[in-house]
């Protein structure tokens, strides 16, 4: 498992360096940009089969593309030039089906049309990642409903970003009236037992991240008196 994490992180790092100029990453943003891409690579490695280095490499590329998506949406605020840069990178690194998936999400995002209080973003992202890795059908057969799982993983992400998103006025499911429902959904459906069933008993950055999010979710629920 350590080797697949290394491969995914290396892949994400290489692609990030390769396309930093295309994304107009400034010197000031460089460290944050690289850290984000590598962290995502380490997490996405957990979607793959241990010792499958091809999946790990593609997981790293998917992580870079996820990072690039955040750059052109959250950092560059849907600038048309940024969208064109993202589209050009997609055309070089992914198949037409994936390009359409990512750009359709981008356009919905730019028009504030992401459903389920932003959770649709996670559902699309998970399918994109698994398609990129070439294992969507295998994981769906093993994990079940990918839309539900993707939404759960978006809740995990929103738990980590809660304070920053709230301060910046960014979309986050925890800033809505359904906050406690989402927190309870995370705790119940991504319990320690369910997480191991989905992603295996071998420790991974993904499993550890979900565990930390679950712990924070409990603390947030406790603060709200639930």
C-alpha atoms as a PDB file:
ATOM      1  CA  UNK A   1       0.000   0.000   0.000  1.00  0.00           C
ATOM      2  CA  UNK A   2       2.891   2.357   0.698  1.00  0.00           C
ATOM      3  CA  UNK A   3       4.175   1.916  -2.850  1.00  0.00           C
ATOM      4  CA  UNK A   4       0.814   2.767  -4.409  1.00  0.00           C
ATOM      5  CA  UNK A   5       0.628   5.907  -2.261  1.00  0.00           C
ATOM      6  CA  UNK A   6       4.089   6.935  -3.435  1.00  0.00           C
ATOM      7  CA  UNK A   7       3.210   6.327  -7.087  1.00  0.00           C
ATOM      8  CA  UNK A   8      -0.055   8.287  -6.844  1.00  0.00           C
ATOM      9  CA  UNK A   9       1.646  11.197  -5.085  1.00  0.00           C
ATOM     10  CA  UNK A  10       4.479  11.227  -7.627  1.00  0.00           C
ATOM     11  CA  UNK A  11       2.034  11.194 -10.535  1.00  0.00           C
ATOM     12  CA  UNK A  12       0.069  14.092  -9.041  1.00  0.00           C
ATOM     13  CA  UNK A  13       3.286  16.042  -8.414  1.00  0.00           C
ATOM     14  CA  UNK A  14       4.648  15.521 -11.938  1.00  0.00           C
ATOM     15  CA  UNK A  15       1.402  16.608 -13.614  1.00  0.00           C
ATOM     16  CA  UNK A  16       1.097  19.592 -11.289  1.00  0.00           C
ATOM     17  CA  UNK A  17       4.571  20.822 -12.199  1.00  0.00           C
ATOM     18  CA  UNK A  18       3.955  20.117 -15.886  1.00  0.00           C
ATOM     19  CA  UNK A  19       0.780  22.207 -16.051  1.00  0.00           C
ATOM     20  CA  UNK A  20       1.454  24.915 -13.452  1.00  0.00           C
ATOM     21  CA  UNK A  21       2.141  27.522 -16.134  1.00  0.00           C
ATOM     22  CA  UNK A  22      -0.949  26.540 -18.129  1.00  0.00           C
ATOM     23  CA  UNK A  23      -3.047  27.121 -14.989  1.00  0.00           C
ATOM     24  CA  UNK A  24      -1.281  30.453 -14.344  1.00  0.00           C
ATOM     25  CA  UNK A  25      -0.151  29.348 -10.884  1.00  0.00           C
ATOM     26  CA  UNK A  26       1.709  32.223  -9.263  1.00  0.00           C
ATOM     27  CA  UNK A  27       4.848  31.841  -7.198  1.00  0.00           C
ATOM     28  CA  UNK A  28       2.823  32.681  -4.129  1.00  0.00           C
ATOM     29  CA  UNK A  29       0.339  29.885  -4.878  1.00  0.00           C
ATOM     30  CA  UNK A  30       2.886  27.238  -5.836  1.00  0.00           C
ATOM     31  CA  UNK A  31       3.364  25.497  -2.471  1.00  0.00           C
ATOM     32  CA  UNK A  32      -0.351  25.449  -1.700  1.00  0.00           C
ATOM     33  CA  UNK A  33      -1.072  24.114  -5.192  1.00  0.00           C
ATOM     34  CA  UNK A  34       1.481  21.305  -4.989  1.00  0.00           C
ATOM     35  CA  UNK A  35       0.442  20.314  -1.478  1.00  0.00           C
ATOM     36  CA  UNK A  36      -3.203  20.124  -2.492  1.00  0.00           C
ATOM     37  CA  UNK A  37      -2.484  17.959  -5.517  1.00  0.00           C
ATOM     38  CA  UNK A  38      -0.216  15.582  -3.594  1.00  0.00           C
ATOM     39  CA  UNK A  39      -2.673  15.265  -0.691  1.00  0.00           C
ATOM     40  CA  UNK A  40      -5.434  14.378  -3.121  1.00  0.00           C
ATOM     41  CA  UNK A  41      -3.133  11.832  -4.782  1.00  0.00           C
ATOM     42  CA  UNK A  42      -2.479  10.172  -1.441  1.00  0.00           C
ATOM     43  CA  UNK A  43      -6.223  10.007  -0.729  1.00  0.00           C
ATOM     44  CA  UNK A  44      -7.178   8.757  -4.188  1.00  0.00           C
ATOM     45  CA  UNK A  45      -4.647   5.941  -3.898  1.00  0.00           C
ATOM     46  CA  UNK A  46      -7.117   4.425  -1.420  1.00  0.00           C
ATOM     47  CA  UNK A  47      -9.618   3.853  -4.235  1.00  0.00           C
ATOM     48  CA  UNK A  48      -7.245   1.464  -5.950  1.00  0.00           C
ATOM     49  CA  UNK A  49      -6.230  -2.129  -5.397  1.00  0.00           C
ATOM     50  CA  UNK A  50      -3.022  -2.502  -3.353  1.00  0.00           C
ATOM     51  CA  UNK A  51       0.006  -3.076  -5.594  1.00  0.00           C
ATOM     52  CA  UNK A  52      -1.852  -2.053  -8.749  1.00  0.00           C
ATOM     53  CA  UNK A  53       0.610   0.613  -9.874  1.00  0.00           C
ATOM     54  CA  UNK A  54      -1.290   1.477 -13.040  1.00  0.00           C
ATOM     55  CA  UNK A  55      -4.361   2.374 -11.006  1.00  0.00           C
ATOM     56  CA  UNK A  56      -2.167   4.320  -8.607  1.00  0.00           C
ATOM     57  CA  UNK A  57      -0.591   6.358 -11.405  1.00  0.00           C
ATOM     58  CA  UNK A  58      -3.988   7.207 -12.886  1.00  0.00           C
ATOM     59  CA  UNK A  59      -5.281   8.040  -9.394  1.00  0.00           C
ATOM     60  CA  UNK A  60      -2.504  10.621  -9.177  1.00  0.00           C
ATOM     61  CA  UNK A  61      -3.490  12.112 -12.529  1.00  0.00           C
ATOM     62  CA  UNK A  62      -7.121  12.267 -11.383  1.00  0.00           C
ATOM     63  CA  UNK A  63      -5.930  14.011  -8.216  1.00  0.00           C
ATOM     64  CA  UNK A  64      -4.089  16.627 -10.262  1.00  0.00           C
ATOM     65  CA  UNK A  65      -7.193  17.214 -12.403  1.00  0.00           C
ATOM     66  CA  UNK A  66      -9.305  17.592  -9.251  1.00  0.00           C
ATOM     67  CA  UNK A  67      -6.788  20.116  -7.968  1.00  0.00           C
ATOM     68  CA  UNK A  68      -6.870  21.925 -11.326  1.00  0.00           C
ATOM     69  CA  UNK A  69     -10.676  22.045 -11.117  1.00  0.00           C
ATOM     70  CA  UNK A  70     -10.451  23.705  -7.702  1.00  0.00           C
ATOM     71  CA  UNK A  71      -7.912  26.178  -9.072  1.00  0.00           C
ATOM     72  CA  UNK A  72     -10.133  27.323 -11.946  1.00  0.00           C
ATOM     73  CA  UNK A  73     -13.320  27.399  -9.839  1.00  0.00           C
ATOM     74  CA  UNK A  74     -12.372  28.356  -6.266  1.00  0.00           C
ATOM     75  CA  UNK A  75      -9.142  30.269  -6.896  1.00  0.00           C
ATOM     76  CA  UNK A  76      -9.809  31.870 -10.257  1.00  0.00           C
ATOM     77  CA  UNK A  77     -13.584  32.208  -9.892  1.00  0.00           C
ATOM     78  CA  UNK A  78     -14.698  30.662 -13.186  1.00  0.00           C
ATOM     79  CA  UNK A  79     -12.614  32.981 -15.325  1.00  0.00           C
ATOM     80  CA  UNK A  80     -13.132  32.156 -19.033  1.00  0.00           C
ATOM     81  CA  UNK A  81      -9.398  31.972 -19.657  1.00  0.00           C
ATOM     82  CA  UNK A  82      -9.074  29.532 -16.748  1.00  0.00           C
ATOM     83  CA  UNK A  83     -11.875  27.364 -18.151  1.00  0.00           C
ATOM     84  CA  UNK A  84     -10.114  27.190 -21.508  1.00  0.00           C
ATOM     85  CA  UNK A  85      -6.874  26.205 -19.782  1.00  0.00           C
ATOM     86  CA  UNK A  86      -8.653  23.470 -17.834  1.00  0.00           C
ATOM     87  CA  UNK A  87     -10.325  22.196 -21.010  1.00  0.00           C
ATOM     88  CA  UNK A  88      -6.979  22.022 -22.815  1.00  0.00           C
ATOM     89  CA  UNK A  89      -5.447  20.001 -19.967  1.00  0.00           C
ATOM     90  CA  UNK A  90      -8.424  17.646 -19.941  1.00  0.00           C
ATOM     91  CA  UNK A  91      -8.043  17.069 -23.679  1.00  0.00           C
ATOM     92  CA  UNK A  92      -4.432  15.992 -23.168  1.00  0.00           C
ATOM     93  CA  UNK A  93      -4.949  13.752 -20.141  1.00  0.00           C
ATOM     94  CA  UNK A  94      -8.416  12.232 -20.507  1.00  0.00           C
ATOM     95  CA  UNK A  95     -10.900  10.704 -22.903  1.00  0.00           C
ATOM     96  CA  UNK A  96     -13.846  12.673 -24.409  1.00  0.00           C
ATOM     97  CA  UNK A  97     -16.310  11.077 -21.973  1.00  0.00           C
ATOM     98  CA  UNK A  98     -14.318  12.397 -19.018  1.00  0.00           C
ATOM     99  CA  UNK A  99     -13.875  15.808 -20.612  1.00  0.00           C
ATOM    100  CA  UNK A 100     -17.642  16.128 -21.005  1.00  0.00           C
ATOM    101  CA  UNK A 101     -18.231  14.972 -17.421  1.00  0.00           C
ATOM    102  CA  UNK A 102     -15.810  17.535 -15.965  1.00  0.00           C
ATOM    103  CA  UNK A 103     -16.851  20.479 -18.125  1.00  0.00           C
ATOM    104  CA  UNK A 104     -20.567  19.834 -17.592  1.00  0.00           C
ATOM    105  CA  UNK A 105     -19.928  19.935 -13.847  1.00  0.00           C
ATOM    106  CA  UNK A 106     -17.872  23.118 -14.290  1.00  0.00           C
ATOM    107  CA  UNK A 107     -20.684  24.844 -16.190  1.00  0.00           C
ATOM    108  CA  UNK A 108     -23.298  23.807 -13.616  1.00  0.00           C
ATOM    109  CA  UNK A 109     -20.969  24.963 -10.842  1.00  0.00           C
ATOM    110  CA  UNK A 110     -20.421  28.348 -12.483  1.00  0.00           C
ATOM    111  CA  UNK A 111     -24.195  28.859 -12.694  1.00  0.00           C
ATOM    112  CA  UNK A 112     -24.859  27.696  -9.113  1.00  0.00           C
ATOM    113  CA  UNK A 113     -26.790  24.686 -10.374  1.00  0.00           C
ATOM    114  CA  UNK A 114     -25.021  21.942  -8.387  1.00  0.00           C
ATOM    115  CA  UNK A 115     -27.764  19.894  -6.723  1.00  0.00           C
ATOM    116  CA  UNK A 116     -28.068  18.459  -3.216  1.00  0.00           C
ATOM    117  CA  UNK A 117     -26.405  21.490  -1.602  1.00  0.00           C
ATOM    118  CA  UNK A 118     -23.224  20.816  -3.546  1.00  0.00           C
ATOM    119  CA  UNK A 119     -23.078  17.062  -2.920  1.00  0.00           C
ATOM    120  CA  UNK A 120     -23.561  16.347  -6.623  1.00  0.00           C
ATOM    121  CA  UNK A 121     -19.998  17.577  -7.052  1.00  0.00           C
ATOM    122  CA  UNK A 122     -18.730  14.632  -5.007  1.00  0.00           C
ATOM    123  CA  UNK A 123     -20.851  12.123  -6.892  1.00  0.00           C
ATOM    124  CA  UNK A 124     -19.506  13.329 -10.250  1.00  0.00           C
ATOM    125  CA  UNK A 125     -15.962  13.525  -8.903  1.00  0.00           C
ATOM    126  CA  UNK A 126     -15.974   9.910  -7.702  1.00  0.00           C
ATOM    127  CA  UNK A 127     -17.175   8.628 -11.069  1.00  0.00           C
ATOM    128  CA  UNK A 128     -14.568  10.769 -12.817  1.00  0.00           C
ATOM    129  CA  UNK A 129     -11.776   9.401 -10.614  1.00  0.00           C
ATOM    130  CA  UNK A 130     -12.791   5.778 -11.057  1.00  0.00           C
ATOM    131  CA  UNK A 131     -13.267   6.162 -14.825  1.00  0.00           C
ATOM    132  CA  UNK A 132      -9.827   7.761 -14.992  1.00  0.00           C
ATOM    133  CA  UNK A 133      -8.388   4.813 -13.063  1.00  0.00           C
ATOM    134  CA  UNK A 134     -10.193   2.353 -15.356  1.00  0.00           C
ATOM    135  CA  UNK A 135     -12.001   0.599 -12.518  1.00  0.00           C
ATOM    136  CA  UNK A 136     -15.466   2.189 -12.305  1.00  0.00           C
ATOM    137  CA  UNK A 137     -17.419  -0.991 -13.062  1.00  0.00           C
ATOM    138  CA  UNK A 138     -15.346  -3.156 -10.713  1.00  0.00           C
ATOM    139  CA  UNK A 139     -15.703  -0.712  -7.816  1.00  0.00           C
ATOM    140  CA  UNK A 140     -19.416  -0.216  -8.446  1.00  0.00           C
ATOM    141  CA  UNK A 141     -19.946  -3.967  -8.328  1.00  0.00           C
ATOM    142  CA  UNK A 142     -18.120  -4.109  -4.993  1.00  0.00           C
ATOM    143  CA  UNK A 143     -19.205  -0.847  -3.362  1.00  0.00           C
ATOM    144  CA  UNK A 144     -22.747  -0.428  -4.659  1.00  0.00           C
ATOM    145  CA  UNK A 145     -24.300   2.983  -5.342  1.00  0.00           C
ATOM    146  CA  UNK A 146     -21.472   5.293  -6.417  1.00  0.00           C
ATOM    147  CA  UNK A 147     -23.686   8.366  -6.333  1.00  0.00           C
ATOM    148  CA  UNK A 148     -24.432   7.857  -2.647  1.00  0.00           C
ATOM    149  CA  UNK A 149     -20.789   7.119  -1.854  1.00  0.00           C
ATOM    150  CA  UNK A 150     -19.622  10.154  -3.800  1.00  0.00           C
ATOM    151  CA  UNK A 151     -22.014  12.356  -1.855  1.00  0.00           C
ATOM    152  CA  UNK A 152     -20.719  10.898   1.407  1.00  0.00           C
ATOM    153  CA  UNK A 153     -17.154  11.671   0.377  1.00  0.00           C
ATOM    154  CA  UNK A 154     -18.198  15.230  -0.469  1.00  0.00           C
ATOM    155  CA  UNK A 155     -19.577  15.526   3.071  1.00  0.00           C
ATOM    156  CA  UNK A 156     -16.150  14.383   4.308  1.00  0.00           C
ATOM    157  CA  UNK A 157     -14.548  17.145   2.243  1.00  0.00           C
ATOM    158  CA  UNK A 158     -17.077  19.708   3.465  1.00  0.00           C
ATOM    159  CA  UNK A 159     -16.407  18.745   7.086  1.00  0.00           C
ATOM    160  CA  UNK A 160     -12.710  19.511   6.621  1.00  0.00           C
ATOM    161  CA  UNK A 161     -13.414  22.776   4.759  1.00  0.00           C
ATOM    162  CA  UNK A 162     -16.340  23.891   6.914  1.00  0.00           C
ATOM    163  CA  UNK A 163     -14.777  26.861   8.697  1.00  0.00           C
ATOM    164  CA  UNK A 164     -12.895  28.176   5.653  1.00  0.00           C
ATOM    165  CA  UNK A 165     -15.921  27.834   3.365  1.00  0.00           C
ATOM    166  CA  UNK A 166     -18.214  29.488   5.892  1.00  0.00           C
ATOM    167  CA  UNK A 167     -15.816  32.425   6.268  1.00  0.00           C
ATOM    168  CA  UNK A 168     -15.437  32.806   2.492  1.00  0.00           C
ATOM    169  CA  UNK A 169     -19.127  32.322   1.725  1.00  0.00           C
ATOM    170  CA  UNK A 170     -18.362  29.242  -0.407  1.00  0.00           C
ATOM    171  CA  UNK A 171     -20.872  26.450  -0.952  1.00  0.00           C
ATOM    172  CA  UNK A 172     -20.698  23.820   1.788  1.00  0.00           C
ATOM    173  CA  UNK A 173     -23.477  21.437   2.782  1.00  0.00           C
ATOM    174  CA  UNK A 174     -22.811  22.158   6.472  1.00  0.00           C
ATOM    175  CA  UNK A 175     -23.813  25.812   6.090  1.00  0.00           C
ATOM    176  CA  UNK A 176     -27.362  24.739   5.181  1.00  0.00           C
ATOM    177  CA  UNK A 177     -30.391  23.873   7.297  1.00  0.00           C
ATOM    178  CA  UNK A 178     -29.631  20.173   6.751  1.00  0.00           C
ATOM    179  CA  UNK A 179     -26.227  20.435   8.466  1.00  0.00           C
ATOM    180  CA  UNK A 180     -26.946  17.949  11.259  1.00  0.00           C
ATOM    181  CA  UNK A 181     -28.609  15.513   8.850  1.00  0.00           C
ATOM    182  CA  UNK A 182     -25.463  15.465   6.716  1.00  0.00           C
ATOM    183  CA  UNK A 183     -23.210  15.025   9.739  1.00  0.00           C
ATOM    184  CA  UNK A 184     -25.313  12.109  10.999  1.00  0.00           C
ATOM    185  CA  UNK A 185     -25.303  10.570   7.527  1.00  0.00           C
ATOM    186  CA  UNK A 186     -21.515  10.660   7.456  1.00  0.00           C
ATOM    187  CA  UNK A 187     -21.170   9.120  10.909  1.00  0.00           C
ATOM    188  CA  UNK A 188     -23.671   6.348  10.187  1.00  0.00           C
ATOM    189  CA  UNK A 189     -22.802   5.398   6.608  1.00  0.00           C
ATOM    190  CA  UNK A 190     -19.033   5.858   6.844  1.00  0.00           C
ATOM    191  CA  UNK A 191     -18.653   4.227  10.225  1.00  0.00           C
ATOM    192  CA  UNK A 192     -15.347   2.560  10.978  1.00  0.00           C
ATOM    193  CA  UNK A 193     -16.835  -0.818  10.044  1.00  0.00           C
ATOM    194  CA  UNK A 194     -18.331   0.403   6.759  1.00  0.00           C
ATOM    195  CA  UNK A 195     -15.148   2.236   5.804  1.00  0.00           C
ATOM    196  CA  UNK A 196     -13.119  -0.941   6.272  1.00  0.00           C
ATOM    197  CA  UNK A 197     -15.675  -2.899   4.241  1.00  0.00           C
ATOM    198  CA  UNK A 198     -15.414  -0.431   1.375  1.00  0.00           C
ATOM    199  CA  UNK A 199     -11.725   0.379   1.349  1.00  0.00           C
ATOM    200  CA  UNK A 200     -10.097  -2.550   3.118  1.00  0.00           C
ATOM    201  CA  UNK A 201      -8.372  -3.142   6.433  1.00  0.00           C
ATOM    202  CA  UNK A 202      -4.986  -1.946   5.191  1.00  0.00           C
ATOM    203  CA  UNK A 203      -4.345   1.552   6.590  1.00  0.00           C
ATOM    204  CA  UNK A 204      -4.511   4.228   3.910  1.00  0.00           C
ATOM    205  CA  UNK A 205      -4.566   8.007   3.844  1.00  0.00           C
ATOM    206  CA  UNK A 206      -8.164   7.817   2.603  1.00  0.00           C
ATOM    207  CA  UNK A 207      -9.316   5.677   5.539  1.00  0.00           C
ATOM    208  CA  UNK A 208      -7.455   7.898   8.017  1.00  0.00           C
ATOM    209  CA  UNK A 209      -8.993  11.040   6.481  1.00  0.00           C
ATOM    210  CA  UNK A 210     -12.495   9.587   6.754  1.00  0.00           C
ATOM    211  CA  UNK A 211     -11.792   8.679  10.378  1.00  0.00           C
ATOM    212  CA  UNK A 212     -10.688  12.249  11.175  1.00  0.00           C
ATOM    213  CA  UNK A 213     -13.776  13.653   9.415  1.00  0.00           C
ATOM    214  CA  UNK A 214     -16.023  11.299  11.367  1.00  0.00           C
ATOM    215  CA  UNK A 215     -14.445  12.472  14.631  1.00  0.00           C
ATOM    216  CA  UNK A 216     -14.896  16.133  13.688  1.00  0.00           C
ATOM    217  CA  UNK A 217     -18.491  15.447  12.612  1.00  0.00           C
ATOM    218  CA  UNK A 218     -19.260  14.081  16.069  1.00  0.00           C
ATOM    219  CA  UNK A 219     -17.745  17.170  17.660  1.00  0.00           C
ATOM    220  CA  UNK A 220     -19.804  19.460  15.424  1.00  0.00           C
ATOM    221  CA  UNK A 221     -22.974  17.567  16.290  1.00  0.00           C
ATOM    222  CA  UNK A 222     -22.106  17.814  19.967  1.00  0.00           C
ATOM    223  CA  UNK A 223     -21.634  21.572  19.642  1.00  0.00           C
ATOM    224  CA  UNK A 224     -25.099  21.883  18.136  1.00  0.00           C
ATOM    225  CA  UNK A 225     -26.598  19.856  20.986  1.00  0.00           C
ATOM    226  CA  UNK A 226     -27.686  16.933  18.821  1.00  0.00           C
END
